[in-house]
Amino acid sequence: MSRLPLDEVRRLVSHLRMRVSDPDRLIELEGELADEEAEFLLLEPDFLAYFPGLTENVVAAGVQWQLRIIPHAHLRMIQRGIAMDTVLSMFSRFVEKRFAEWQTIAAGAYAIYERSSNILVRVDIDIVETGGGKGHVVTVFFGRSASAETVELD
């Protein structure tokens, strides 16, 4: 693996300062993030516990969607300085674009790529029904997937 860029280490440490109450543990984590093996730390379940999953609701094309951001995606958002508003905006524009083009959004994997910011968000749409108490549920990931349909945004 490799050493993390300094700006990523700073963002992660800033987040950890709000989540870790033990100053010795915080110093230990900061040292590990600055180490050459830092990428391994990012995969550790104990480290991911500092980046809990998030749930956000967004209305796009007149439909309410529930986005579930998994812990690893939350970590990557903080690491790369990607704001929640950016992810919500990208997803909203994706839905609006699909609706404007009269394309159905079905359950499955989609990669949403925003050229202007060079951000790729992968979403797995789990449920797209509104009847019977079900909603529109989307799980958010970061990274490529060979099985995902890519949609580009300007």
Protein backbone atom coordinates (compact mmCIF):
# COMPACT_ATOMS: atom_id res chain seq x y z
CA MET A 1 0.00 0.00 0.00
CA SER A 2 1.10 3.60 0.26
CA ARG A 3 1.23 6.74 2.30
CA LEU A 4 -1.85 8.98 2.23
CA PRO A 5 -1.55 12.53 0.91
CA LEU A 6 -1.17 15.08 3.71
CA ASP A 7 -4.47 16.84 2.94
CA GLU A 8 -6.33 13.52 3.29
CA VAL A 9 -4.60 12.78 6.60
CA ARG A 10 -5.59 16.22 7.89
CA ARG A 11 -9.26 15.73 6.95
CA LEU A 12 -9.37 12.29 8.55
CA VAL A 13 -7.67 13.48 11.75
CA SER A 14 -10.04 16.44 11.94
CA HIS A 15 -12.99 14.05 11.78
CA LEU A 16 -11.42 11.73 14.35
CA ARG A 17 -10.98 14.62 16.80
CA MET A 18 -14.78 14.81 16.99
CA ARG A 19 -15.21 11.03 17.43
CA VAL A 20 -12.29 9.89 19.63
CA SER A 21 -12.38 10.96 23.26
CA ASP A 22 -9.12 9.27 24.34
CA PRO A 23 -6.20 11.61 23.48
CA ASP A 24 -3.71 8.72 23.45
CA ARG A 25 -5.83 6.79 20.96
CA LEU A 26 -6.14 9.90 18.80
CA ILE A 27 -2.35 10.33 18.74
CA GLU A 28 -1.96 6.65 17.86
CA LEU A 29 -4.45 6.92 14.99
CA GLU A 30 -2.82 10.10 13.70
CA GLY A 31 0.54 8.31 13.62
CA GLU A 32 -0.94 5.33 11.78
CA LEU A 33 -2.57 7.63 9.20
CA ALA A 34 0.78 9.29 8.52
CA ASP A 35 2.50 5.90 8.17
CA GLU A 36 3.38 4.17 4.89
CA GLU A 37 0.82 1.45 5.66
CA ALA A 38 -2.08 3.88 6.17
CA GLU A 39 -4.16 2.37 3.36
CA PHE A 40 -4.38 -0.86 5.38
CA LEU A 41 -5.74 1.06 8.38
CA LEU A 42 -8.60 2.40 6.25
CA LEU A 43 -9.81 -1.16 5.67
CA GLU A 44 -9.83 -2.17 9.34
CA PRO A 45 -13.32 -2.69 10.84
CA ASP A 46 -12.20 -1.01 14.09
CA PHE A 47 -11.19 2.10 12.15
CA LEU A 48 -14.38 2.10 10.06
CA ALA A 49 -16.35 2.27 13.33
CA TYR A 50 -15.35 5.96 13.50
CA PHE A 51 -17.26 6.52 10.23
CA PRO A 52 -20.78 5.26 10.87
CA GLY A 53 -23.23 4.70 8.07
CA LEU A 54 -25.44 7.66 7.26
CA THR A 55 -28.98 7.95 5.96
CA GLU A 56 -30.18 10.99 4.03
CA ASN A 57 -33.50 11.66 2.36
CA VAL A 58 -33.64 13.55 -0.91
CA VAL A 59 -36.53 14.50 -3.17
CA ALA A 60 -35.73 14.28 -6.87
CA ALA A 61 -38.21 14.49 -9.75
CA GLY A 62 -40.98 14.71 -7.16
CA VAL A 63 -40.05 11.37 -5.60
CA GLN A 64 -38.56 10.79 -2.14
CA TRP A 65 -35.41 8.69 -2.10
CA GLN A 66 -33.57 7.35 0.93
CA LEU A 67 -29.79 7.26 0.47
CA ARG A 68 -27.82 4.96 2.76
CA ILE A 69 -24.14 5.85 2.83
CA ILE A 70 -22.13 2.84 4.00
CA PRO A 71 -19.26 3.40 6.49
CA HIS A 72 -16.56 2.96 3.85
CA ALA A 73 -18.22 5.55 1.59
CA HIS A 74 -18.49 7.92 4.58
CA LEU A 75 -14.77 7.47 5.21
CA ARG A 76 -13.96 8.14 1.54
CA MET A 77 -16.13 11.27 1.53
CA ILE A 78 -14.18 12.69 4.47
CA GLN A 79 -10.83 11.49 3.15
CA ARG A 80 -11.40 13.15 -0.23
CA GLY A 81 -13.21 16.24 1.06
CA ILE A 82 -16.50 15.40 -0.64
CA ALA A 83 -19.42 17.09 1.09
CA MET A 84 -22.72 15.34 1.69
CA ASP A 85 -24.41 18.10 -0.32
CA THR A 86 -22.28 17.13 -3.32
CA VAL A 87 -23.38 13.49 -3.16
CA LEU A 88 -27.04 14.49 -2.68
CA SER A 89 -26.80 16.92 -5.60
CA MET A 90 -25.19 14.32 -7.87
CA PHE A 91 -27.88 11.79 -7.06
CA SER A 92 -30.68 14.34 -7.55
CA ARG A 93 -29.29 15.39 -10.93
CA PHE A 94 -28.94 11.73 -11.92
CA VAL A 95 -32.63 11.11 -11.15
CA GLU A 96 -33.70 14.34 -12.88
CA LYS A 97 -31.66 13.44 -15.96
CA ARG A 98 -33.13 9.94 -16.17
CA PHE A 99 -36.67 11.31 -15.77
CA ALA A 100 -36.06 14.06 -18.37
CA GLU A 101 -34.87 11.40 -20.83
CA TRP A 102 -37.91 9.20 -20.02
CA GLN A 103 -35.61 6.44 -18.77
CA THR A 104 -36.76 4.09 -16.05
CA ILE A 105 -34.72 3.82 -12.89
CA ALA A 106 -34.73 0.14 -11.98
CA ALA A 107 -33.16 -1.73 -9.12
CA GLY A 108 -29.49 -2.25 -9.88
CA ALA A 109 -26.06 -0.62 -9.91
CA TYR A 110 -25.37 2.80 -11.43
CA ALA A 111 -22.12 4.77 -11.55
CA ILE A 112 -22.69 8.53 -11.51
CA TYR A 113 -19.71 10.45 -12.85
CA GLU A 114 -19.52 14.22 -12.56
CA ARG A 115 -16.96 15.48 -15.07
CA SER A 116 -16.59 18.98 -13.61
CA SER A 117 -15.43 17.68 -10.21
CA ASN A 118 -14.07 14.30 -11.39
CA ILE A 119 -16.13 12.47 -8.74
CA LEU A 120 -17.52 9.00 -9.30
CA VAL A 121 -20.26 7.76 -6.98
CA ARG A 122 -21.64 4.25 -7.31
CA VAL A 123 -25.19 3.67 -6.15
CA ASP A 124 -27.03 0.41 -5.80
CA ILE A 125 -30.75 1.03 -6.03
CA ASP A 126 -32.31 -1.61 -3.83
CA ILE A 127 -36.03 -0.79 -3.93
CA VAL A 128 -37.92 1.43 -6.36
CA GLU A 129 -41.51 0.67 -5.36
CA THR A 130 -43.71 3.06 -3.42
CA GLY A 131 -46.63 0.74 -2.73
CA GLY A 132 -47.00 -1.52 0.29
CA GLY A 133 -44.91 0.64 2.60
CA LYS A 134 -41.76 0.33 0.50
CA GLY A 135 -39.70 3.30 -0.51
CA HIS A 136 -36.94 4.22 -2.87
CA VAL A 137 -33.80 2.94 -1.14
CA VAL A 138 -30.32 3.58 -2.50
CA THR A 139 -26.98 2.43 -1.10
CA VAL A 140 -24.05 4.77 -1.88
CA PHE A 141 -20.51 3.52 -2.55
CA PHE A 142 -17.36 5.04 -4.00
CA GLY A 143 -15.39 3.38 -6.76
CA ARG A 144 -15.96 1.68 -10.09
CA SER A 145 -17.97 -1.42 -10.77
CA ALA A 146 -17.89 -3.36 -14.01
CA SER A 147 -21.56 -4.22 -13.57
CA ALA A 148 -22.73 -0.62 -13.10
CA GLU A 149 -24.35 1.47 -15.80
CA THR A 150 -22.40 4.75 -16.01
CA VAL A 151 -24.28 8.03 -16.23
CA GLU A 152 -22.26 11.20 -16.82
CA LEU A 153 -23.26 14.58 -15.45
CA ASP A 154 -21.94 17.92 -16.69
